[in-house]
Amino acid sequence: MMRSSENLAQVEEYWSSNPLGSLETPFPEGSKDFFEWHARIRDYDEGDFCQSMYEFDQHSDKKVLDIGCGNGWLVWNFARNGAKITGVDLTSTAIELTKKRLSIYDLNADLRVANAESLPFADNSFDYLTSAGVLHHTPDTEKAVSEAIRVLRPGGRGMISFYYLHPLMLPVLWPVTRLFIQLLFKAVPGRSQFGSVKTPDDLVRLYDGNNNPIGKAYSRADMRRMMSNCRIEKFEIHYFPTRFLLGENAPKVVRVILDRMLGLMIYTKFEKMS
């Protein structure tokens, strides 16, 4: 069996070579056009439906941590709303992209290469934290969640999102779901193996690219178990990439229905109790 450190090395190698947005972008990575394109796509896919879960405009002058900053979309949003934002990522590629994004808009943040399973911060360091679609890619997700909560102060709050273990992924319904995925998503950019997906684990792994080494899905019960020392404020299910099926001109009502009924991500807002 491969050790966790070896798995983590694979994760780092993959995301260094395939930074967030790189599978689809028509623009050079790190250019202003790239970041503007990514912001538009991110808003279209999820921002229109779950912006309130992030609370970008509610933490001015507060110490905020984003775990797994990717190309810097969350860090950028917090920075332009006045937060004292820190961003960490496993790869130096992501940190460099985030720096470029911020420099374009004359913004600043504390950015560090760091492993989510062993964060380089003291206990109770932050007022608020986010980790959006990241910790399901690390070998020891439970340890990473524990670390996130450790560095949050008592009474501090946060939002973590993971791939959602949707009821349609349960064994009795999975054959129908798999057929739907194979027919409709086989031509998604950078995911040529999507058409041959066999298991729910395949689905959440391959969504981020053919060679993505790790992807896991979680239920509400899983989130409650991993956050047993937190008060769960709310769960929301969002993120269905309608543009892969219908382009970017789908009627808003269709997008809302698909987002609510077939969302791929579970968003958990919580407060640390002790």
C-alpha atoms as a PDB file:
ATOM      1  CA  MET A   1       0.000   0.000   0.000  1.00  0.00           C
ATOM      2  CA  MET A   2       1.295   3.463  -0.856  1.00  0.00           C
ATOM      3  CA  ARG A   3       2.196   5.588   2.137  1.00  0.00           C
ATOM      4  CA  SER A   4       0.409   8.875   2.791  1.00  0.00           C
ATOM      5  CA  SER A   5       3.591  10.833   2.039  1.00  0.00           C
ATOM      6  CA  GLU A   6       3.814   9.189  -1.371  1.00  0.00           C
ATOM      7  CA  ASN A   7       0.164   9.989  -2.048  1.00  0.00           C
ATOM      8  CA  LEU A   8       0.774  13.586  -1.028  1.00  0.00           C
ATOM      9  CA  ALA A   9       3.724  13.817  -3.400  1.00  0.00           C
ATOM     10  CA  GLN A  10       1.445  12.662  -6.228  1.00  0.00           C
ATOM     11  CA  VAL A  11      -1.130  15.282  -5.285  1.00  0.00           C
ATOM     12  CA  GLU A  12       1.519  17.997  -5.264  1.00  0.00           C
ATOM     13  CA  GLU A  13       2.906  16.885  -8.618  1.00  0.00           C
ATOM     14  CA  TYR A  14      -0.522  16.806 -10.248  1.00  0.00           C
ATOM     15  CA  TRP A  15      -1.679  20.222  -9.054  1.00  0.00           C
ATOM     16  CA  SER A  16       1.698  21.791  -9.808  1.00  0.00           C
ATOM     17  CA  SER A  17       1.271  20.714 -13.422  1.00  0.00           C
ATOM     18  CA  ASN A  18      -2.484  21.329 -13.583  1.00  0.00           C
ATOM     19  CA  PRO A  19      -3.295  24.430 -11.524  1.00  0.00           C
ATOM     20  CA  LEU A  20      -6.907  25.397 -10.980  1.00  0.00           C
ATOM     21  CA  GLY A  21      -8.498  26.583 -14.229  1.00  0.00           C
ATOM     22  CA  SER A  22      -5.750  25.293 -16.492  1.00  0.00           C
ATOM     23  CA  LEU A  23      -7.810  22.490 -18.054  1.00  0.00           C
ATOM     24  CA  GLU A  24     -10.197  24.909 -19.717  1.00  0.00           C
ATOM     25  CA  THR A  25      -8.686  28.367 -19.990  1.00  0.00           C
ATOM     26  CA  PRO A  26      -8.251  29.925 -23.448  1.00  0.00           C
ATOM     27  CA  PHE A  27      -5.755  32.432 -21.977  1.00  0.00           C
ATOM     28  CA  PRO A  28      -2.150  32.209 -20.730  1.00  0.00           C
ATOM     29  CA  GLU A  29      -2.035  31.157 -17.074  1.00  0.00           C
ATOM     30  CA  GLY A  30      -1.246  34.111 -14.847  1.00  0.00           C
ATOM     31  CA  SER A  31      -2.395  36.766 -17.319  1.00  0.00           C
ATOM     32  CA  LYS A  32      -5.045  39.334 -16.466  1.00  0.00           C
ATOM     33  CA  ASP A  33      -7.288  37.739 -19.103  1.00  0.00           C
ATOM     34  CA  PHE A  34      -6.883  34.378 -17.357  1.00  0.00           C
ATOM     35  CA  PHE A  35      -7.920  35.755 -13.978  1.00  0.00           C
ATOM     36  CA  GLU A  36     -10.856  37.708 -15.404  1.00  0.00           C
ATOM     37  CA  TRP A  37     -12.007  34.630 -17.316  1.00  0.00           C
ATOM     38  CA  HIS A  38     -11.709  32.477 -14.201  1.00  0.00           C
ATOM     39  CA  ALA A  39     -13.645  34.969 -12.043  1.00  0.00           C
ATOM     40  CA  ARG A  40     -16.457  35.029 -14.598  1.00  0.00           C
ATOM     41  CA  ILE A  41     -16.585  31.223 -14.833  1.00  0.00           C
ATOM     42  CA  ARG A  42     -16.447  30.829 -11.050  1.00  0.00           C
ATOM     43  CA  ASP A  43     -19.342  33.247 -10.621  1.00  0.00           C
ATOM     44  CA  TYR A  44     -21.337  31.473 -13.328  1.00  0.00           C
ATOM     45  CA  ASP A  45     -20.765  28.003 -11.871  1.00  0.00           C
ATOM     46  CA  GLU A  46     -21.322  28.785  -8.201  1.00  0.00           C
ATOM     47  CA  GLY A  47     -21.034  32.434  -7.193  1.00  0.00           C
ATOM     48  CA  ASP A  48     -24.492  33.270  -8.487  1.00  0.00           C
ATOM     49  CA  PHE A  49     -25.923  30.699  -6.075  1.00  0.00           C
ATOM     50  CA  CYS A  50     -23.756  30.533  -2.952  1.00  0.00           C
ATOM     51  CA  GLN A  51     -21.859  33.806  -2.594  1.00  0.00           C
ATOM     52  CA  SER A  52     -23.311  34.277   0.884  1.00  0.00           C
ATOM     53  CA  MET A  53     -21.617  31.088   2.096  1.00  0.00           C
ATOM     54  CA  TYR A  54     -18.196  32.700   1.636  1.00  0.00           C
ATOM     55  CA  GLU A  55     -18.930  35.979   3.472  1.00  0.00           C
ATOM     56  CA  PHE A  56     -16.308  37.900   1.486  1.00  0.00           C
ATOM     57  CA  ASP A  57     -17.687  41.256   2.613  1.00  0.00           C
ATOM     58  CA  GLN A  58     -18.125  40.440   6.315  1.00  0.00           C
ATOM     59  CA  HIS A  59     -14.556  40.161   7.629  1.00  0.00           C
ATOM     60  CA  SER A  60     -12.845  43.501   7.117  1.00  0.00           C
ATOM     61  CA  ASP A  61      -9.783  43.791   9.414  1.00  0.00           C
ATOM     62  CA  LYS A  62     -10.317  40.196  10.616  1.00  0.00           C
ATOM     63  CA  LYS A  63      -7.690  37.473  10.354  1.00  0.00           C
ATOM     64  CA  VAL A  64      -8.900  35.090   7.636  1.00  0.00           C
ATOM     65  CA  LEU A  65      -7.275  31.887   6.360  1.00  0.00           C
ATOM     66  CA  ASP A  66      -7.912  30.249   2.984  1.00  0.00           C
ATOM     67  CA  ILE A  67      -6.621  26.677   2.820  1.00  0.00           C
ATOM     68  CA  GLY A  68      -5.769  25.571  -0.703  1.00  0.00           C
ATOM     69  CA  CYS A  69      -5.815  28.951  -2.411  1.00  0.00           C
ATOM     70  CA  GLY A  70      -5.376  27.586  -5.938  1.00  0.00           C
ATOM     71  CA  ASN A  71      -5.187  30.515  -8.342  1.00  0.00           C
ATOM     72  CA  GLY A  72      -6.280  32.973  -5.664  1.00  0.00           C
ATOM     73  CA  TRP A  73      -9.973  33.597  -6.307  1.00  0.00           C
ATOM     74  CA  LEU A  74     -10.949  33.472  -2.630  1.00  0.00           C
ATOM     75  CA  VAL A  75      -7.842  35.329  -1.427  1.00  0.00           C
ATOM     76  CA  TRP A  76      -8.516  38.068  -3.990  1.00  0.00           C
ATOM     77  CA  ASN A  77     -12.137  38.408  -2.871  1.00  0.00           C
ATOM     78  CA  PHE A  78     -11.232  38.643   0.805  1.00  0.00           C
ATOM     79  CA  ALA A  79      -8.345  41.046   0.158  1.00  0.00           C
ATOM     80  CA  ARG A  80     -10.452  43.477  -1.854  1.00  0.00           C
ATOM     81  CA  ASN A  81     -12.990  43.486   0.969  1.00  0.00           C
ATOM     82  CA  GLY A  82     -10.414  44.470   3.599  1.00  0.00           C
ATOM     83  CA  ALA A  83      -9.681  41.176   5.356  1.00  0.00           C
ATOM     84  CA  LYS A  84      -6.242  40.372   6.770  1.00  0.00           C
ATOM     85  CA  ILE A  85      -6.072  37.345   4.534  1.00  0.00           C
ATOM     86  CA  THR A  86      -3.582  34.475   4.614  1.00  0.00           C
ATOM     87  CA  GLY A  87      -3.544  31.917   1.824  1.00  0.00           C
ATOM     88  CA  VAL A  88      -1.784  28.544   1.845  1.00  0.00           C
ATOM     89  CA  ASP A  89      -1.409  25.887  -0.812  1.00  0.00           C
ATOM     90  CA  LEU A  90       0.542  22.662  -1.238  1.00  0.00           C
ATOM     91  CA  THR A  91       2.128  23.896  -4.468  1.00  0.00           C
ATOM     92  CA  SER A  92       4.400  26.834  -5.208  1.00  0.00           C
ATOM     93  CA  THR A  93       2.613  27.085  -8.572  1.00  0.00           C
ATOM     94  CA  ALA A  94      -0.591  28.087  -6.808  1.00  0.00           C
ATOM     95  CA  ILE A  95       1.179  30.578  -4.573  1.00  0.00           C
ATOM     96  CA  GLU A  96       2.830  32.241  -7.577  1.00  0.00           C
ATOM     97  CA  LEU A  97      -0.492  32.438  -9.439  1.00  0.00           C
ATOM     98  CA  THR A  98      -2.172  33.980  -6.399  1.00  0.00           C
ATOM     99  CA  LYS A  99       0.631  36.539  -6.105  1.00  0.00           C
ATOM    100  CA  LYS A 100       0.154  37.480  -9.763  1.00  0.00           C
ATOM    101  CA  ARG A 101      -3.585  37.823  -9.306  1.00  0.00           C
ATOM    102  CA  LEU A 102      -3.185  40.130  -6.333  1.00  0.00           C
ATOM    103  CA  SER A 103      -0.475  42.228  -7.968  1.00  0.00           C
ATOM    104  CA  ILE A 104      -2.721  42.969 -10.951  1.00  0.00           C
ATOM    105  CA  TYR A 105      -5.227  44.572  -8.578  1.00  0.00           C
ATOM    106  CA  ASP A 106      -2.646  46.109  -6.222  1.00  0.00           C
ATOM    107  CA  LEU A 107      -3.706  43.888  -3.314  1.00  0.00           C
ATOM    108  CA  ASN A 108      -1.692  42.071  -0.663  1.00  0.00           C
ATOM    109  CA  ALA A 109      -1.893  38.872   1.380  1.00  0.00           C
ATOM    110  CA  ASP A 110       0.288  36.582   3.448  1.00  0.00           C
ATOM    111  CA  LEU A 111       0.896  33.635   1.087  1.00  0.00           C
ATOM    112  CA  ARG A 112       2.717  30.432   2.020  1.00  0.00           C
ATOM    113  CA  VAL A 113       3.410  26.969   0.660  1.00  0.00           C
ATOM    114  CA  ALA A 114       2.013  24.610   3.286  1.00  0.00           C
ATOM    115  CA  ASN A 115       0.503  21.159   3.759  1.00  0.00           C
ATOM    116  CA  ALA A 116      -3.124  21.311   4.941  1.00  0.00           C
ATOM    117  CA  GLU A 117      -2.478  18.248   7.098  1.00  0.00           C
ATOM    118  CA  SER A 118       0.143  20.160   9.111  1.00  0.00           C
ATOM    119  CA  LEU A 119      -0.562  23.884   9.066  1.00  0.00           C
ATOM    120  CA  PRO A 120       2.287  26.208  10.136  1.00  0.00           C
ATOM    121  CA  PHE A 121       0.181  28.277  12.532  1.00  0.00           C
ATOM    122  CA  ALA A 122      -0.390  28.337  16.276  1.00  0.00           C
ATOM    123  CA  ASP A 123      -3.669  27.242  17.817  1.00  0.00           C
ATOM    124  CA  ASN A 124      -6.503  29.784  17.701  1.00  0.00           C
ATOM    125  CA  SER A 125      -4.789  32.037  15.126  1.00  0.00           C
ATOM    126  CA  PHE A 126      -7.700  33.031  12.871  1.00  0.00           C
ATOM    127  CA  ASP A 127     -11.151  34.570  13.131  1.00  0.00           C
ATOM    128  CA  TYR A 128     -12.565  32.972   9.991  1.00  0.00           C
ATOM    129  CA  LEU A 129     -11.438  30.350   7.475  1.00  0.00           C
ATOM    130  CA  THR A 130     -12.401  28.917   4.130  1.00  0.00           C
ATOM    131  CA  SER A 131     -11.380  25.856   2.171  1.00  0.00           C
ATOM    132  CA  ALA A 132     -13.331  25.445  -1.051  1.00  0.00           C
ATOM    133  CA  GLY A 133     -13.141  22.114  -2.834  1.00  0.00           C
ATOM    134  CA  VAL A 134      -9.633  21.321  -1.587  1.00  0.00           C
ATOM    135  CA  LEU A 135      -9.383  18.981   1.386  1.00  0.00           C
ATOM    136  CA  HIS A 136     -11.085  16.085  -0.428  1.00  0.00           C
ATOM    137  CA  HIS A 137      -7.870  15.937  -2.517  1.00  0.00           C
ATOM    138  CA  THR A 138      -5.469  15.343   0.395  1.00  0.00           C
ATOM    139  CA  PRO A 139      -4.708  11.788   1.605  1.00  0.00           C
ATOM    140  CA  ASP A 140      -5.807  12.332   5.221  1.00  0.00           C
ATOM    141  CA  THR A 141      -8.859  14.560   4.903  1.00  0.00           C
ATOM    142  CA  GLU A 142      -9.892  14.103   8.538  1.00  0.00           C
ATOM    143  CA  LYS A 143      -6.496  15.297   9.738  1.00  0.00           C
ATOM    144  CA  ALA A 144      -6.705  18.332   7.447  1.00  0.00           C
ATOM    145  CA  VAL A 145     -10.129  19.249   8.811  1.00  0.00           C
ATOM    146  CA  SER A 146      -8.805  18.853  12.365  1.00  0.00           C
ATOM    147  CA  GLU A 147      -5.907  21.176  11.521  1.00  0.00           C
ATOM    148  CA  ALA A 148      -8.263  23.767  10.046  1.00  0.00           C
ATOM    149  CA  ILE A 149     -10.326  23.779  13.231  1.00  0.00           C
ATOM    150  CA  ARG A 150      -7.207  23.837  15.422  1.00  0.00           C
ATOM    151  CA  VAL A 151      -5.974  27.151  13.987  1.00  0.00           C
ATOM    152  CA  LEU A 152      -9.436  28.754  14.283  1.00  0.00           C
ATOM    153  CA  ARG A 153     -10.089  30.610  17.539  1.00  0.00           C
ATOM    154  CA  PRO A 154     -12.947  29.472  19.820  1.00  0.00           C
ATOM    155  CA  GLY A 155     -16.039  31.235  18.546  1.00  0.00           C
ATOM    156  CA  GLY A 156     -14.387  31.636  15.156  1.00  0.00           C
ATOM    157  CA  ARG A 157     -16.331  30.569  12.117  1.00  0.00           C
ATOM    158  CA  GLY A 158     -15.651  29.082   8.730  1.00  0.00           C
ATOM    159  CA  MET A 159     -16.898  27.443   5.549  1.00  0.00           C
ATOM    160  CA  ILE A 160     -15.530  24.229   4.058  1.00  0.00           C
ATOM    161  CA  SER A 161     -16.820  22.611   0.871  1.00  0.00           C
ATOM    162  CA  PHE A 162     -16.272  19.065  -0.366  1.00  0.00           C
ATOM    163  CA  TYR A 163     -17.572  16.896  -3.142  1.00  0.00           C
ATOM    164  CA  TYR A 164     -21.023  15.755  -2.076  1.00  0.00           C
ATOM    165  CA  LEU A 165     -21.975  12.103  -1.636  1.00  0.00           C
ATOM    166  CA  HIS A 166     -25.251  12.680  -3.436  1.00  0.00           C
ATOM    167  CA  PRO A 167     -28.103  10.159  -3.018  1.00  0.00           C
ATOM    168  CA  LEU A 168     -27.787   9.551  -6.772  1.00  0.00           C
ATOM    169  CA  MET A 169     -24.361   8.019  -6.034  1.00  0.00           C
ATOM    170  CA  LEU A 170     -25.818   5.340  -3.757  1.00  0.00           C
ATOM    171  CA  PRO A 171     -25.644   1.783  -5.140  1.00  0.00           C
ATOM    172  CA  VAL A 172     -29.325   1.448  -6.058  1.00  0.00           C
ATOM    173  CA  LEU A 173     -29.270   4.588  -8.257  1.00  0.00           C
ATOM    174  CA  TRP A 174     -25.649   4.670  -9.377  1.00  0.00           C
ATOM    175  CA  PRO A 175     -26.101   2.701 -12.664  1.00  0.00           C
ATOM    176  CA  VAL A 176     -28.559   5.337 -13.939  1.00  0.00           C
ATOM    177  CA  THR A 177     -26.379   8.190 -12.705  1.00  0.00           C
ATOM    178  CA  ARG A 178     -23.321   6.666 -14.362  1.00  0.00           C
ATOM    179  CA  LEU A 179     -25.105   6.397 -17.700  1.00  0.00           C
ATOM    180  CA  PHE A 180     -26.157  10.053 -17.458  1.00  0.00           C
ATOM    181  CA  ILE A 181     -22.577  11.102 -16.737  1.00  0.00           C
ATOM    182  CA  GLN A 182     -21.125   8.984 -19.545  1.00  0.00           C
ATOM    183  CA  LEU A 183     -23.532  10.412 -22.102  1.00  0.00           C
ATOM    184  CA  LEU A 184     -23.434  14.069 -21.126  1.00  0.00           C
ATOM    185  CA  PHE A 185     -19.964  14.753 -19.758  1.00  0.00           C
ATOM    186  CA  LYS A 186     -17.643  12.696 -21.951  1.00  0.00           C
ATOM    187  CA  ALA A 187     -16.430  15.771 -23.881  1.00  0.00           C
ATOM    188  CA  VAL A 188     -15.653  18.000 -20.885  1.00  0.00           C
ATOM    189  CA  PRO A 189     -12.287  19.778 -21.480  1.00  0.00           C
ATOM    190  CA  GLY A 190      -9.349  17.978 -19.878  1.00  0.00           C
ATOM    191  CA  ARG A 191     -11.497  15.068 -18.709  1.00  0.00           C
ATOM    192  CA  SER A 192     -11.480  12.645 -21.629  1.00  0.00           C
ATOM    193  CA  GLN A 193     -11.911   9.667 -19.279  1.00  0.00           C
ATOM    194  CA  PHE A 194     -15.163  11.050 -17.885  1.00  0.00           C
ATOM    195  CA  GLY A 195     -17.112   9.052 -20.441  1.00  0.00           C
ATOM    196  CA  SER A 196     -15.867   5.775 -18.965  1.00  0.00           C
ATOM    197  CA  VAL A 197     -16.479   6.590 -15.297  1.00  0.00           C
ATOM    198  CA  LYS A 198     -17.300   3.422 -13.356  1.00  0.00           C
ATOM    199  CA  THR A 199     -17.673   4.378  -9.672  1.00  0.00           C
ATOM    200  CA  PRO A 200     -18.627   7.447  -7.606  1.00  0.00           C
ATOM    201  CA  ASP A 201     -14.969   7.725  -6.612  1.00  0.00           C
ATOM    202  CA  ASP A 202     -14.090   7.890 -10.310  1.00  0.00           C
ATOM    203  CA  LEU A 203     -16.565  10.723 -10.766  1.00  0.00           C
ATOM    204  CA  VAL A 204     -15.180  13.003  -8.067  1.00  0.00           C
ATOM    205  CA  ARG A 205     -11.578  12.168  -8.946  1.00  0.00           C
ATOM    206  CA  LEU A 206     -11.836  12.550 -12.720  1.00  0.00           C
ATOM    207  CA  TYR A 207     -13.819  15.772 -12.515  1.00  0.00           C
ATOM    208  CA  ASP A 208     -10.516  17.530 -11.775  1.00  0.00           C
ATOM    209  CA  GLY A 209      -8.635  15.843 -14.608  1.00  0.00           C
ATOM    210  CA  ASN A 210      -7.712  12.463 -16.048  1.00  0.00           C
ATOM    211  CA  ASN A 211      -4.628  12.029 -13.869  1.00  0.00           C
ATOM    212  CA  ASN A 212      -5.911  13.547 -10.645  1.00  0.00           C
ATOM    213  CA  PRO A 213      -4.748  11.032  -7.992  1.00  0.00           C
ATOM    214  CA  ILE A 214      -7.274  11.666  -5.204  1.00  0.00           C
ATOM    215  CA  GLY A 215     -10.904  12.742  -4.992  1.00  0.00           C
ATOM    216  CA  LYS A 216     -13.434  11.830  -2.289  1.00  0.00           C
ATOM    217  CA  ALA A 217     -17.094  12.590  -1.625  1.00  0.00           C
ATOM    218  CA  TYR A 218     -18.739  13.257   1.752  1.00  0.00           C
ATOM    219  CA  SER A 219     -22.215  13.317   3.250  1.00  0.00           C
ATOM    220  CA  ARG A 220     -23.743  15.617   5.858  1.00  0.00           C
ATOM    221  CA  ALA A 221     -23.150  12.899   8.451  1.00  0.00           C
ATOM    222  CA  ASP A 222     -19.476  12.758   7.478  1.00  0.00           C
ATOM    223  CA  MET A 223     -19.142  16.508   7.922  1.00  0.00           C
ATOM    224  CA  ARG A 224     -20.793  16.409  11.358  1.00  0.00           C
ATOM    225  CA  ARG A 225     -18.460  13.597  12.434  1.00  0.00           C
ATOM    226  CA  MET A 226     -15.309  15.411  11.295  1.00  0.00           C
ATOM    227  CA  MET A 227     -16.478  18.644  12.959  1.00  0.00           C
ATOM    228  CA  SER A 228     -17.711  17.183  16.231  1.00  0.00           C
ATOM    229  CA  ASN A 229     -16.276  20.126  18.219  1.00  0.00           C
ATOM    230  CA  CYS A 230     -18.104  22.656  16.042  1.00  0.00           C
ATOM    231  CA  ARG A 231     -21.647  23.917  15.788  1.00  0.00           C
ATOM    232  CA  ILE A 232     -22.924  23.388  12.264  1.00  0.00           C
ATOM    233  CA  GLU A 233     -24.755  26.534  11.180  1.00  0.00           C
ATOM    234  CA  LYS A 234     -25.982  25.225   7.834  1.00  0.00           C
ATOM    235  CA  PHE A 235     -25.397  22.901   4.914  1.00  0.00           C
ATOM    236  CA  GLU A 236     -26.041  23.905   1.331  1.00  0.00           C
ATOM    237  CA  ILE A 237     -25.676  21.870  -1.861  1.00  0.00           C
ATOM    238  CA  HIS A 238     -24.466  23.766  -4.946  1.00  0.00           C
ATOM    239  CA  TYR A 239     -22.263  23.671  -8.035  1.00  0.00           C
ATOM    240  CA  PHE A 240     -23.558  22.025 -11.168  1.00  0.00           C
ATOM    241  CA  PRO A 241     -21.472  23.063 -14.229  1.00  0.00           C
ATOM    242  CA  THR A 242     -24.401  23.774 -16.536  1.00  0.00           C
ATOM    243  CA  ARG A 243     -22.111  25.365 -19.133  1.00  0.00           C
ATOM    244  CA  PHE A 244     -20.630  21.953 -19.967  1.00  0.00           C
ATOM    245  CA  LEU A 245     -24.085  20.835 -21.105  1.00  0.00           C
ATOM    246  CA  LEU A 246     -25.852  23.969 -22.314  1.00  0.00           C
ATOM    247  CA  GLY A 247     -23.140  26.570 -22.780  1.00  0.00           C
ATOM    248  CA  GLU A 248     -23.162  29.885 -20.953  1.00  0.00           C
ATOM    249  CA  ASN A 249     -26.588  31.030 -22.086  1.00  0.00           C
ATOM    250  CA  ALA A 250     -28.766  28.566 -20.196  1.00  0.00           C
ATOM    251  CA  PRO A 251     -31.916  30.113 -18.661  1.00  0.00           C
ATOM    252  CA  LYS A 252     -31.386  31.105 -15.031  1.00  0.00           C
ATOM    253  CA  VAL A 253     -34.307  28.943 -13.903  1.00  0.00           C
ATOM    254  CA  VAL A 254     -32.638  25.853 -15.416  1.00  0.00           C
ATOM    255  CA  ARG A 255     -29.353  26.699 -13.733  1.00  0.00           C
ATOM    256  CA  VAL A 256     -31.089  27.141 -10.363  1.00  0.00           C
ATOM    257  CA  ILE A 257     -32.874  23.795 -10.633  1.00  0.00           C
ATOM    258  CA  LEU A 258     -29.715  21.906 -11.579  1.00  0.00           C
ATOM    259  CA  ASP A 259     -27.701  23.684  -8.882  1.00  0.00           C
ATOM    260  CA  ARG A 260     -30.196  22.750  -6.170  1.00  0.00           C
ATOM    261  CA  MET A 261     -31.019  19.215  -7.303  1.00  0.00           C
ATOM    262  CA  LEU A 262     -27.745  17.962  -8.790  1.00  0.00           C
ATOM    263  CA  GLY A 263     -25.084  20.080  -7.080  1.00  0.00           C
ATOM    264  CA  LEU A 264     -21.709  18.345  -6.864  1.00  0.00           C
ATOM    265  CA  MET A 265     -20.522  20.105  -3.699  1.00  0.00           C
ATOM    266  CA  ILE A 266     -21.626  20.253  -0.069  1.00  0.00           C
ATOM    267  CA  TYR A 267     -20.915  23.606   1.631  1.00  0.00           C
ATOM    268  CA  THR A 268     -20.687  23.533   5.426  1.00  0.00           C
ATOM    269  CA  LYS A 269     -20.749  26.717   7.503  1.00  0.00           C
ATOM    270  CA  PHE A 270     -19.708  26.220  11.119  1.00  0.00           C
ATOM    271  CA  GLU A 271     -18.550  27.763  14.406  1.00  0.00           C
ATOM    272  CA  LYS A 272     -15.746  26.381  16.591  1.00  0.00           C
ATOM    273  CA  MET A 273     -17.103  25.696  20.057  1.00  0.00           C
ATOM    274  CA  SER A 274     -13.912  24.941  22.021  1.00  0.00           C
END
